Amino acid sequence: MSNVAIKYSNTLPSAPEARLGLGFTLPTQMPPFPLLDGPKGLLTARNEQDLGYRILLGQLDRVRALAVDTGIVSAMVKEIWDAMGEKDNVDKAVALIYHEGAWLRVGTLPEGDYSDKKVRKAAKAIADEEFATLVRRKLNGIQTLISELRGYATEGMDGTLFSSAVRDELRQKLSEILPYDYILNRAVDQFRANCKELTSRTRDLIKFICEEVRIPKVKAEGIISGNWTSPKLIPALLISGGYELKLFPPAAMKNLRLGITQRQKAILEAASTGEAPAAEILAAWSVFMRVDRDIEKCADIFTKANVRLVEQQVGRFRFSDSQIVRSAANMGLTRAVYRFAPEMGFRFSTIAIQWIQVSINRDLVDQESIRLPEGMHKQLRLIKDKLQLNPNESIQSLAKATKLDEDLVRDLVHLVGSRTSIDSTFQESGSADTDGLHEMLADTNNDFMSEIEEESTRNFVNETLGQVLNEREIFVMMNRYGMGDSQEMTLAELAAIMSLSKERVRQIEMQAIGKIRDSAFAESLFEMWGDM
């Protein structure tokens, strides 16, 4: 194992030796596809591992294919730099790197006791720092090769053996780093868009051969085998086309040859628009498309084999729209497929459940379909007030002010952002991004509402909101959010006062917000409240 990226010093003496986690090797041969017992067959641990490795190998092939377009590679490298920043935030920048004969996964730590959060945090900080150092070295090497290739292009040497050797080296460098899935997917989508014309013309060639020679698409692709512009394509068809092709009359054979030649020329023209030689672009595109289909097939197998897991998690959210929950769950399952780490030995369901739950919760929060835990409204209000005063307030500062765990504060900050965006219907031209329904809520950090007399405040609420809401909805809104002179109450407190269940109170609250948002008086309500 590598001796690089090892630090023996630590500010916490009790922390174990912090270094990059143990590396692993990828299979030298592509693992086979599993044979499922029916459309909903279950995968064994070995099946999941094989599929996971197929996806990893396919993603690395994708990265290598991008070497023919330095523009895409340069943009991808920049995204990785930006994601890491100055604080070595490698978690959302790179997934794997290859170093001294082994693959290293971001976030892995050596074996040890990490029950103490401070110990784990210190060990992870050191491991991330060393991992980031290796990533920077690789990115610097990639950027150097990109500069060389662009220099050859400027000097008119982009089609020479020198540039070809540099591009091979770039392809090798790219095969030693696997970007974070979001970053890689953006680069892949851009490459797919750039090759749209090439894709269209190759499909036209396959369609022409299938219709003229009357062979299936799979067989036609096998005969071509990536040699789209090869003059040997027609002899290969004569050998593999079957007895019908041998019976073609001379005129029909001439039309076949002419049709294939014309389409090959069109393919060559489409491939010649890139910066790399047409042959290299065609080879990279062929590998890319083959791998693309393979990865999609692996993801489809994972998805079909885990239908029961999705339904199990959907059943936990009976209070919400099942279609919304199921859609979010499927998105979480898809994300888990590309985040699965087969080398760790865990079952796929371990990571899938986490991503499904996160996806469902975030989707429901964005749609105002889930409520905060009891007692969290006070902390949420405090976080909202601090972010209004200083939008760049750090998570550490917010955690200290609320006396909550930093992970919980991050979740609450996400909720603050979601609620502000949902209230966007209350904004008007020229308003700030923070303007919205929360401007109608009591601010515990100032005495604005205390300056308004109780009677006039209630009259304002009744006369304005009364045109949109009924009395029960007004009562819930005033007491739920501390509007007017009312004190903010929890769902449990309101349920006890109104002799209703907490779920029923929550439904009334959501119904009232929807009425305000959709009413014709939304803008006037905002203006009237702001003038008080």
Protein backbone atom coordinates (compact mmCIF):
# COMPACT_ATOMS: atom_id res chain seq x y z
CA MET A 1 0.00 0.00 0.00
CA SER A 2 1.08 3.56 -0.67
CA ASN A 3 3.16 5.43 1.91
CA VAL A 4 2.03 8.73 0.46
CA ALA A 5 -0.59 10.81 2.22
CA ILE A 6 0.28 9.47 5.67
CA LYS A 7 0.48 11.83 8.63
CA TYR A 8 1.51 10.65 12.04
CA SER A 9 0.94 13.92 13.87
CA ASN A 10 -2.48 14.77 15.26
CA THR A 11 -3.83 17.42 17.56
CA LEU A 12 -5.78 14.72 19.38
CA PRO A 13 -3.43 12.14 20.92
CA SER A 14 -6.28 9.63 21.25
CA ALA A 15 -7.00 9.66 17.51
CA PRO A 16 -5.69 6.66 15.55
CA GLU A 17 -3.18 7.09 12.79
CA ALA A 18 -5.00 9.12 10.14
CA ARG A 19 -4.16 8.29 6.55
CA LEU A 20 -5.87 7.40 3.32
CA GLY A 21 -7.92 4.24 3.52
CA LEU A 22 -6.69 0.94 2.14
CA GLY A 23 -6.74 0.80 -1.64
CA PHE A 24 -8.35 -1.82 -3.84
CA THR A 25 -7.96 -3.14 -7.36
CA LEU A 26 -10.56 -3.34 -10.10
CA PRO A 27 -11.24 -6.56 -12.03
CA THR A 28 -9.02 -7.10 -15.06
CA GLN A 29 -11.99 -8.55 -16.96
CA MET A 30 -15.52 -7.20 -17.20
CA PRO A 31 -17.75 -9.10 -14.72
CA PRO A 32 -20.76 -10.89 -16.26
CA PHE A 33 -24.34 -9.73 -16.13
CA PRO A 34 -26.41 -11.60 -13.51
CA LEU A 35 -29.27 -13.86 -14.55
CA LEU A 36 -32.33 -12.85 -12.55
CA ASP A 37 -35.14 -15.24 -11.73
CA GLY A 38 -37.96 -13.28 -13.32
CA PRO A 39 -38.49 -9.50 -13.73
CA LYS A 40 -38.41 -8.97 -9.95
CA GLY A 41 -35.70 -11.44 -9.10
CA LEU A 42 -33.36 -10.65 -6.21
CA LEU A 43 -29.64 -10.04 -6.58
CA THR A 44 -27.07 -11.91 -4.56
CA ALA A 45 -24.16 -10.11 -2.93
CA ARG A 46 -21.90 -11.36 -5.74
CA ASN A 47 -24.36 -10.12 -8.38
CA GLU A 48 -24.41 -6.66 -6.81
CA GLN A 49 -20.63 -6.58 -6.65
CA ASP A 50 -20.32 -7.57 -10.32
CA LEU A 51 -22.78 -4.87 -11.39
CA GLY A 52 -21.02 -2.30 -9.21
CA TYR A 53 -17.66 -3.07 -10.80
CA ARG A 54 -19.18 -2.96 -14.30
CA ILE A 55 -20.46 0.53 -13.58
CA LEU A 56 -17.09 1.67 -12.20
CA LEU A 57 -15.21 0.28 -15.20
CA GLY A 58 -17.77 1.86 -17.53
CA GLN A 59 -17.42 5.26 -15.87
CA LEU A 60 -13.64 5.10 -16.27
CA ASP A 61 -14.10 4.25 -19.97
CA ARG A 62 -16.36 7.30 -20.24
CA VAL A 63 -13.66 9.52 -18.71
CA ARG A 64 -11.04 8.16 -21.12
CA ALA A 65 -13.32 8.84 -24.08
CA LEU A 66 -13.50 12.52 -23.10
CA ALA A 67 -9.79 12.92 -23.94
CA VAL A 68 -10.72 13.74 -27.55
CA ASP A 69 -12.35 17.00 -26.40
CA THR A 70 -10.04 19.17 -24.30
CA GLY A 71 -12.81 21.76 -23.86
CA ILE A 72 -14.97 19.29 -21.96
CA VAL A 73 -12.01 17.97 -19.98
CA SER A 74 -10.92 21.49 -19.06
CA ALA A 75 -14.43 22.37 -17.84
CA MET A 76 -14.60 19.13 -15.83
CA VAL A 77 -11.23 19.83 -14.20
CA LYS A 78 -12.36 23.35 -13.30
CA GLU A 79 -15.50 21.97 -11.65
CA ILE A 80 -13.36 19.63 -9.56
CA TRP A 81 -11.13 22.53 -8.51
CA ASP A 82 -14.15 24.64 -7.60
CA ALA A 83 -15.77 21.79 -5.65
CA MET A 84 -12.64 21.29 -3.54
CA GLY A 85 -12.11 24.98 -2.91
CA GLU A 86 -9.48 26.07 -0.43
CA LYS A 87 -10.70 23.79 2.36
CA ASP A 88 -10.08 20.41 0.70
CA ASN A 89 -13.77 19.55 0.29
CA VAL A 90 -13.05 16.39 -1.68
CA ASP A 91 -16.32 14.60 -0.85
CA LYS A 92 -18.18 16.21 -3.77
CA ALA A 93 -15.24 16.64 -6.10
CA VAL A 94 -13.72 13.21 -6.76
CA ALA A 95 -14.92 9.66 -6.09
CA LEU A 96 -11.75 7.62 -6.79
CA ILE A 97 -8.11 8.16 -7.64
CA TYR A 98 -5.45 5.66 -8.74
CA HIS A 99 -2.16 5.79 -6.86
CA GLU A 100 0.77 3.37 -6.76
CA GLY A 101 -1.12 0.37 -8.07
CA ALA A 102 -4.34 0.79 -6.06
CA TRP A 103 -7.59 2.72 -6.21
CA LEU A 104 -8.36 4.99 -3.27
CA ARG A 105 -11.92 6.04 -2.47
CA VAL A 106 -12.63 9.43 -0.95
CA GLY A 107 -13.76 9.43 2.67
CA THR A 108 -12.28 6.06 3.63
CA LEU A 109 -10.35 5.85 6.88
CA PRO A 110 -8.04 3.17 8.32
CA GLU A 111 -9.46 0.66 10.73
CA GLY A 112 -9.88 2.08 14.22
CA ASP A 113 -12.29 3.18 16.90
CA TYR A 114 -14.19 6.25 15.69
CA SER A 115 -16.93 6.26 18.30
CA ASP A 116 -15.63 9.64 19.46
CA LYS A 117 -16.85 12.24 16.94
CA LYS A 118 -13.85 14.49 17.55
CA VAL A 119 -11.46 11.64 16.81
CA ARG A 120 -13.29 10.75 13.63
CA LYS A 121 -13.46 14.38 12.53
CA ALA A 122 -9.72 14.86 13.07
CA ALA A 123 -8.84 11.67 11.21
CA LYS A 124 -11.12 12.53 8.31
CA ALA A 125 -9.70 16.06 8.04
CA ILE A 126 -6.17 14.72 7.68
CA ALA A 127 -7.23 12.00 5.22
CA ASP A 128 -9.14 14.54 3.11
CA GLU A 129 -6.17 16.88 3.09
CA GLU A 130 -3.83 14.16 1.81
CA PHE A 131 -6.41 12.92 -0.67
CA ALA A 132 -6.80 16.47 -1.98
CA THR A 133 -3.01 16.71 -2.40
CA LEU A 134 -3.02 13.65 -4.68
CA VAL A 135 -6.01 15.01 -6.61
CA ARG A 136 -4.27 18.34 -7.20
CA ARG A 137 -1.20 16.59 -8.57
CA LYS A 138 -3.29 14.67 -11.05
CA LEU A 139 -5.29 17.74 -12.06
CA ASN A 140 -2.10 19.72 -12.61
CA GLY A 141 -0.77 16.96 -14.86
CA ILE A 142 -4.02 16.91 -16.86
CA GLN A 143 -4.00 20.69 -17.27
CA THR A 144 -0.40 20.60 -18.49
CA LEU A 145 -1.27 18.06 -21.18
CA ILE A 146 -4.30 20.11 -22.25
CA SER A 147 -2.04 23.15 -22.67
CA GLU A 148 0.37 21.09 -24.80
CA LEU A 149 -2.42 19.86 -27.06
CA ARG A 150 -3.74 23.39 -27.54
CA GLY A 151 -0.23 24.55 -28.32
CA TYR A 152 0.08 21.89 -31.03
CA ALA A 153 -3.28 22.99 -32.45
CA THR A 154 -2.09 26.60 -32.63
CA GLU A 155 1.07 25.54 -34.45
CA GLY A 156 -0.90 23.38 -36.89
CA MET A 157 0.51 20.12 -35.48
CA ASP A 158 -2.73 18.77 -34.03
CA GLY A 159 -2.77 15.75 -36.37
CA THR A 160 0.85 14.68 -35.90
CA LEU A 161 2.39 11.80 -33.96
CA PHE A 162 3.47 14.27 -31.28
CA SER A 163 -0.06 15.41 -30.54
CA SER A 164 -1.28 11.81 -30.72
CA ALA A 165 1.26 10.79 -28.09
CA VAL A 166 0.23 13.66 -25.82
CA ARG A 167 -3.43 12.73 -26.21
CA ASP A 168 -2.64 9.12 -25.30
CA GLU A 169 -0.91 10.39 -22.18
CA LEU A 170 -3.92 12.59 -21.39
CA ARG A 171 -6.18 9.56 -21.79
CA GLN A 172 -3.95 7.66 -19.35
CA LYS A 173 -4.02 10.52 -16.82
CA LEU A 174 -7.79 10.76 -17.06
CA SER A 175 -8.10 7.03 -16.41
CA GLU A 176 -6.52 7.56 -12.98
CA ILE A 177 -9.23 9.82 -11.60
CA LEU A 178 -13.00 9.33 -11.35
CA PRO A 179 -14.86 12.61 -10.73
CA TYR A 180 -17.89 12.96 -8.47
CA ASP A 181 -20.95 11.60 -10.27
CA TYR A 182 -22.64 15.00 -10.74
CA ILE A 183 -19.48 16.47 -12.29
CA LEU A 184 -18.91 13.44 -14.51
CA ASN A 185 -22.55 13.38 -15.65
CA ARG A 186 -22.37 17.01 -16.77
CA ALA A 187 -19.25 16.29 -18.81
CA VAL A 188 -20.85 13.15 -20.29
CA ASP A 189 -23.99 15.06 -21.26
CA GLN A 190 -21.89 17.72 -22.97
CA PHE A 191 -19.94 15.08 -24.92
CA ARG A 192 -23.19 13.41 -25.93
CA ALA A 193 -24.53 16.78 -27.14
CA ASN A 194 -21.35 17.53 -29.12
CA CYS A 195 -21.62 14.15 -30.85
CA LYS A 196 -25.32 14.46 -31.65
CA GLU A 197 -24.72 14.81 -35.40
CA LEU A 198 -22.28 11.90 -35.39
CA THR A 199 -24.81 9.75 -33.54
CA SER A 200 -27.52 10.60 -36.04
CA ARG A 201 -25.40 9.68 -39.05
CA THR A 202 -24.18 6.37 -37.61
CA ARG A 203 -27.77 5.41 -36.86
CA ASP A 204 -28.66 6.26 -40.44
CA LEU A 205 -25.96 3.88 -41.69
CA ILE A 206 -27.19 1.05 -39.46
CA LYS A 207 -30.80 1.64 -40.49
CA PHE A 208 -29.82 1.60 -44.18
CA ILE A 209 -27.90 -1.68 -43.84
CA CYS A 210 -30.71 -3.33 -41.86
CA GLU A 211 -33.35 -2.36 -44.42
CA GLU A 212 -31.29 -3.24 -47.50
CA VAL A 213 -29.68 -6.46 -46.31
CA ARG A 214 -32.54 -7.47 -44.00
CA ILE A 215 -30.50 -8.30 -40.94
CA PRO A 216 -31.25 -7.33 -37.31
CA LYS A 217 -29.73 -4.21 -35.78
CA VAL A 218 -27.58 -6.17 -33.35
CA LYS A 219 -26.00 -8.16 -36.15
CA ALA A 220 -25.36 -5.02 -38.21
CA GLU A 221 -23.62 -3.37 -35.26
CA GLY A 222 -21.52 -6.50 -34.77
CA ILE A 223 -20.42 -6.49 -38.42
CA ILE A 224 -19.48 -2.81 -38.26
CA SER A 225 -17.75 -3.31 -34.89
CA GLY A 226 -16.78 0.34 -34.58
CA ASN A 227 -15.19 0.51 -38.07
CA TRP A 228 -17.70 3.04 -39.37
CA THR A 229 -15.63 4.41 -42.24
CA SER A 230 -13.60 1.29 -43.08
CA PRO A 231 -13.59 0.20 -46.76
CA LYS A 232 -13.75 -3.38 -45.46
CA LEU A 233 -17.33 -2.90 -44.31
CA ILE A 234 -18.87 -4.03 -47.62
CA PRO A 235 -16.75 -7.24 -47.85
CA ALA A 236 -17.66 -7.96 -44.23
CA LEU A 237 -21.34 -7.61 -45.12
CA LEU A 238 -20.91 -9.99 -48.07
CA ILE A 239 -19.42 -12.59 -45.75
CA SER A 240 -21.95 -12.18 -42.92
CA GLY A 241 -25.05 -10.96 -44.73
CA GLY A 242 -26.54 -14.37 -45.47
CA TYR A 243 -27.68 -16.02 -48.66
CA GLU A 244 -30.03 -13.15 -49.65
CA LEU A 245 -27.12 -10.77 -50.11
CA LYS A 246 -25.39 -13.24 -52.43
CA LEU A 247 -28.47 -13.24 -54.62
CA PHE A 248 -28.49 -9.45 -55.06
CA PRO A 249 -28.57 -8.42 -58.73
CA PRO A 250 -25.71 -6.18 -59.90
CA ALA A 251 -27.88 -3.03 -59.88
CA ALA A 252 -29.03 -3.63 -56.32
CA MET A 253 -25.46 -4.37 -55.19
CA LYS A 254 -24.31 -1.13 -56.80
CA ASN A 255 -26.98 0.85 -54.93
CA LEU A 256 -25.96 -0.86 -51.69
CA ARG A 257 -22.31 0.03 -52.16
CA LEU A 258 -23.18 3.62 -53.12
CA GLY A 259 -25.54 4.05 -50.18
CA ILE A 260 -22.96 2.74 -47.69
CA THR A 261 -20.17 4.85 -49.18
CA GLN A 262 -22.25 8.04 -49.03
CA ARG A 263 -23.19 7.45 -45.41
CA GLN A 264 -19.60 6.64 -44.46
CA LYS A 265 -18.55 9.94 -46.01
CA ALA A 266 -21.20 11.77 -43.97
CA ILE A 267 -19.95 10.07 -40.81
CA LEU A 268 -16.38 11.09 -41.60
CA GLU A 269 -17.48 14.71 -42.12
CA ALA A 270 -19.29 14.75 -38.77
CA ALA A 271 -16.24 13.30 -37.00
CA SER A 272 -13.90 15.80 -38.64
CA THR A 273 -15.44 18.81 -36.90
CA GLY A 274 -13.68 18.07 -33.60
CA GLU A 275 -10.19 19.02 -32.48
CA ALA A 276 -8.87 15.44 -32.54
CA PRO A 277 -8.37 13.39 -35.72
CA ALA A 278 -11.59 11.88 -37.05
CA ALA A 279 -10.37 8.32 -36.43
CA GLU A 280 -9.73 9.06 -32.74
CA ILE A 281 -13.11 10.77 -32.31
CA LEU A 282 -14.89 7.83 -33.95
CA ALA A 283 -13.06 5.33 -31.77
CA ALA A 284 -13.78 7.32 -28.60
CA TRP A 285 -17.43 7.80 -29.58
CA SER A 286 -17.86 4.08 -30.29
CA VAL A 287 -16.47 3.14 -26.87
CA PHE A 288 -18.56 5.85 -25.21
CA MET A 289 -21.84 4.66 -26.77
CA ARG A 290 -21.13 1.01 -25.98
CA VAL A 291 -20.31 1.82 -22.36
CA ASP A 292 -23.33 4.12 -22.12
CA ARG A 293 -25.67 1.26 -23.00
CA ASP A 294 -23.86 -1.07 -20.61
CA ILE A 295 -24.18 1.32 -17.65
CA GLU A 296 -27.86 1.91 -18.39
CA LYS A 297 -28.43 -1.84 -18.44
CA CYS A 298 -26.67 -2.26 -15.08
CA ALA A 299 -28.73 0.56 -13.55
CA ASP A 300 -31.91 -1.00 -14.93
CA ILE A 301 -31.08 -4.36 -13.32
CA PHE A 302 -30.36 -2.68 -9.99
CA THR A 303 -33.66 -0.77 -10.20
CA LYS A 304 -35.82 -3.77 -11.10
CA ALA A 305 -34.24 -5.92 -8.41
CA ASN A 306 -34.97 -3.32 -5.71
CA VAL A 307 -38.61 -2.51 -6.47
CA ARG A 308 -39.63 -4.02 -3.13
CA LEU A 309 -37.15 -1.80 -1.29
CA VAL A 310 -38.66 1.31 -2.87
CA GLU A 311 -42.22 0.25 -2.01
CA GLN A 312 -41.19 -0.50 1.55
CA GLN A 313 -39.85 3.04 2.00
CA VAL A 314 -42.84 4.60 0.22
CA GLY A 315 -45.10 2.87 2.72
CA ARG A 316 -43.48 4.83 5.55
CA PHE A 317 -44.90 8.11 4.17
CA ARG A 318 -48.62 7.28 4.04
CA PHE A 319 -49.56 10.85 4.98
CA SER A 320 -48.14 12.20 1.68
CA ASP A 321 -48.99 11.84 -1.98
CA SER A 322 -47.81 8.34 -2.90
CA GLN A 323 -46.89 9.38 -6.45
CA ILE A 324 -44.65 12.19 -5.22
CA VAL A 325 -43.00 9.92 -2.67
CA ARG A 326 -42.52 7.08 -5.17
CA SER A 327 -40.97 9.43 -7.73
CA ALA A 328 -38.53 10.77 -5.14
CA ALA A 329 -37.73 7.23 -3.96
CA ASN A 330 -36.90 6.10 -7.49
CA MET A 331 -34.61 9.12 -7.92
CA GLY A 332 -32.86 8.21 -4.69
CA LEU A 333 -32.46 4.61 -5.86
CA THR A 334 -30.91 5.77 -9.14
CA ARG A 335 -28.49 8.01 -7.26
CA ALA A 336 -27.52 5.09 -5.00
CA VAL A 337 -26.62 2.99 -8.06
CA TYR A 338 -23.85 5.43 -9.01
CA ARG A 339 -22.69 5.91 -5.42
CA PHE A 340 -22.45 2.17 -4.66
CA ALA A 341 -18.98 1.05 -3.54
CA PRO A 342 -18.68 -2.67 -4.38
CA GLU A 343 -15.19 -2.99 -2.91
CA MET A 344 -16.42 -2.29 0.62
CA GLY A 345 -18.38 -5.51 0.84
CA PHE A 346 -21.70 -3.97 1.87
CA ARG A 347 -25.01 -4.92 0.31
CA PHE A 348 -26.48 -2.40 -2.09
CA SER A 349 -29.54 -1.92 0.13
CA THR A 350 -27.32 -0.38 2.81
CA ILE A 351 -26.62 2.73 0.74
CA ALA A 352 -29.88 2.57 -1.24
CA ILE A 353 -32.06 3.02 1.85
CA GLN A 354 -30.09 6.10 2.89
CA TRP A 355 -30.36 7.77 -0.51
CA ILE A 356 -34.05 6.88 -0.87
CA GLN A 357 -34.89 8.40 2.50
CA VAL A 358 -32.84 11.54 1.83
CA SER A 359 -34.47 11.99 -1.58
CA ILE A 360 -37.99 11.54 -0.20
CA ASN A 361 -37.44 13.90 2.74
CA ARG A 362 -35.94 16.65 0.58
CA ASP A 363 -38.70 16.36 -2.00
CA LEU A 364 -41.43 16.55 0.63
CA VAL A 365 -39.77 19.50 2.34
CA ASP A 366 -39.57 21.34 -1.00
CA GLN A 367 -43.29 20.78 -1.46
CA GLU A 368 -44.21 21.79 2.10
CA SER A 369 -45.52 18.27 2.75
CA ILE A 370 -43.46 17.48 5.81
CA ARG A 371 -43.30 19.26 9.13
CA LEU A 372 -40.43 19.96 11.46
CA PRO A 373 -39.95 17.89 14.61
CA GLU A 374 -41.68 19.33 17.64
CA GLY A 375 -39.62 22.01 19.37
CA MET A 376 -37.53 22.87 16.30
CA HIS A 377 -39.45 25.98 15.24
CA LYS A 378 -37.65 28.20 17.73
CA GLN A 379 -34.23 27.10 16.46
CA LEU A 380 -35.38 27.43 12.85
CA ARG A 381 -36.52 31.00 13.53
CA LEU A 382 -33.19 31.83 15.16
CA ILE A 383 -31.31 30.43 12.15
CA LYS A 384 -33.54 32.37 9.76
CA ASP A 385 -32.97 35.64 11.66
CA LYS A 386 -29.20 35.17 11.65
CA LEU A 387 -29.13 34.35 7.94
CA GLN A 388 -31.20 37.46 7.19
CA LEU A 389 -28.61 39.60 8.97
CA ASN A 390 -25.66 37.70 7.50
CA PRO A 391 -26.39 35.32 4.57
CA ASN A 392 -22.80 34.00 4.81
CA GLU A 393 -23.10 32.95 8.44
CA SER A 394 -21.09 29.76 8.97
CA ILE A 395 -22.60 26.45 10.04
CA GLN A 396 -20.31 26.44 13.07
CA SER A 397 -21.59 29.84 14.18
CA LEU A 398 -25.22 28.79 13.72
CA ALA A 399 -24.62 25.56 15.63
CA LYS A 400 -23.10 27.51 18.52
CA ALA A 401 -26.04 29.94 18.62
CA THR A 402 -28.69 27.21 18.52
CA LYS A 403 -26.72 24.69 20.63
CA LEU A 404 -27.49 22.02 18.04
CA ASP A 405 -25.35 19.49 16.22
CA GLU A 406 -23.76 20.86 13.01
CA ASP A 407 -25.38 18.14 10.86
CA LEU A 408 -28.81 19.07 12.20
CA VAL A 409 -28.11 22.76 11.55
CA ARG A 410 -27.25 21.96 7.93
CA ASP A 411 -30.63 20.26 7.55
CA LEU A 412 -32.42 23.25 9.10
CA VAL A 413 -30.57 25.65 6.80
CA HIS A 414 -31.85 23.57 3.88
CA LEU A 415 -35.39 23.96 5.23
CA VAL A 416 -34.98 27.73 5.54
CA GLY A 417 -33.98 27.93 1.89
CA SER A 418 -36.84 25.71 0.78
CA ARG A 419 -39.49 27.72 2.60
CA THR A 420 -38.20 31.01 1.24
CA SER A 421 -38.36 29.74 -2.35
CA ILE A 422 -41.90 28.41 -1.92
CA ASP A 423 -43.03 31.86 -0.78
CA SER A 424 -41.77 33.41 -4.02
CA THR A 425 -45.39 34.13 -5.12
CA PHE A 426 -45.44 36.93 -2.55
CA GLN A 427 -42.51 38.72 -4.16
CA GLU A 428 -42.91 41.65 -6.47
CA SER A 429 -40.72 43.49 -8.91
CA GLY A 430 -37.70 44.96 -7.21
CA SER A 431 -38.07 42.91 -4.02
CA ALA A 432 -35.15 41.17 -2.39
CA ASP A 433 -34.62 37.40 -2.50
CA THR A 434 -35.58 37.15 1.17
CA ASP A 435 -38.95 38.88 0.71
CA GLY A 436 -41.87 36.49 1.15
CA LEU A 437 -44.39 35.11 3.60
CA HIS A 438 -41.82 35.08 6.40
CA GLU A 439 -41.93 38.90 6.32
CA MET A 440 -45.42 38.51 7.82
CA LEU A 441 -44.09 36.48 10.73
CA ALA A 442 -43.09 37.87 14.10
CA ASP A 443 -39.42 38.67 14.51
CA THR A 444 -38.37 37.88 18.07
CA ASN A 445 -35.21 39.96 17.70
CA ASN A 446 -37.00 43.31 17.48
CA ASP A 447 -40.01 45.09 18.95
CA PHE A 448 -41.77 45.82 15.64
CA MET A 449 -44.96 43.99 16.53
CA SER A 450 -44.97 45.33 20.08
CA GLU A 451 -45.42 48.82 18.66
CA ILE A 452 -48.76 47.86 17.14
CA GLU A 453 -51.75 47.80 19.40
CA GLU A 454 -53.47 44.49 19.93
CA GLU A 455 -56.84 45.61 18.60
CA SER A 456 -55.56 47.17 15.36
CA THR A 457 -53.38 44.14 14.69
CA ARG A 458 -56.28 41.72 15.01
CA ASN A 459 -58.48 43.98 12.88
CA PHE A 460 -55.84 44.02 10.15
CA VAL A 461 -55.58 40.24 10.17
CA ASN A 462 -59.33 39.69 10.21
CA GLU A 463 -60.10 42.25 7.49
CA THR A 464 -57.35 41.17 5.12
CA LEU A 465 -56.74 37.48 5.65
CA GLY A 466 -60.43 37.11 6.49
CA GLN A 467 -61.24 37.55 2.81
CA VAL A 468 -59.16 34.47 2.01
CA LEU A 469 -59.20 32.25 5.12
CA ASN A 470 -61.92 31.11 7.47
CA GLU A 471 -61.70 31.77 11.22
CA ARG A 472 -60.12 28.43 12.05
CA GLU A 473 -57.42 28.86 9.41
CA ILE A 474 -56.68 32.40 10.64
CA PHE A 475 -56.37 31.11 14.19
CA VAL A 476 -53.96 28.38 13.13
CA MET A 477 -51.80 30.75 11.04
CA MET A 478 -51.61 33.41 13.75
CA ASN A 479 -50.66 30.98 16.50
CA ARG A 480 -48.54 28.63 14.40
CA TYR A 481 -46.24 31.39 13.14
CA GLY A 482 -46.59 34.00 15.87
CA MET A 483 -48.46 36.48 13.65
CA GLY A 484 -49.81 39.63 15.25
CA ASP A 485 -49.44 39.51 19.01
CA SER A 486 -49.81 35.74 19.19
CA GLN A 487 -47.10 33.50 20.54
CA GLU A 488 -45.72 30.80 18.27
CA MET A 489 -47.14 27.39 19.19
CA THR A 490 -46.30 23.83 18.26
CA LEU A 491 -48.73 21.50 16.54
CA ALA A 492 -49.24 19.64 19.80
CA GLU A 493 -50.21 22.84 21.65
CA LEU A 494 -52.66 23.89 18.95
CA ALA A 495 -54.11 20.38 18.75
CA ALA A 496 -54.82 20.45 22.50
CA ILE A 497 -56.50 23.88 22.30
CA MET A 498 -58.60 23.01 19.24
CA SER A 499 -59.36 19.42 20.35
CA LEU A 500 -57.97 18.10 17.07
CA SER A 501 -55.17 15.74 16.13
CA LYS A 502 -51.75 17.17 15.27
CA GLU A 503 -52.08 15.83 11.73
CA ARG A 504 -55.39 17.65 11.26
CA VAL A 505 -53.86 20.93 12.48
CA ARG A 506 -50.99 20.46 10.03
CA GLN A 507 -53.48 19.93 7.20
CA ILE A 508 -55.31 23.15 8.11
CA GLU A 509 -51.98 24.99 8.12
CA MET A 510 -51.02 23.70 4.66
CA GLN A 511 -54.49 24.50 3.34
CA ALA A 512 -54.28 28.07 4.63
CA ILE A 513 -50.85 28.67 3.07
CA GLY A 514 -52.15 27.33 -0.23
CA LYS A 515 -55.15 29.69 -0.14
CA ILE A 516 -52.94 32.71 0.56
CA ARG A 517 -50.48 31.79 -2.16
CA ASP A 518 -53.19 31.23 -4.79
CA SER A 519 -55.48 34.12 -3.87
CA ALA A 520 -55.91 37.33 -5.86
CA PHE A 521 -55.07 39.31 -2.70
CA ALA A 522 -51.58 37.85 -2.21
CA GLU A 523 -49.73 40.95 -3.46
CA SER A 524 -51.98 43.41 -1.58
CA LEU A 525 -51.66 41.38 1.62
CA PHE A 526 -47.89 41.61 1.36
CA GLU A 527 -47.94 45.37 0.69
CA MET A 528 -50.40 46.13 3.50
CA TRP A 529 -48.38 44.15 6.00
CA GLY A 530 -45.16 45.81 4.88
CA ASP A 531 -46.63 49.31 5.38
CA MET A 532 -47.56 48.71 9.00
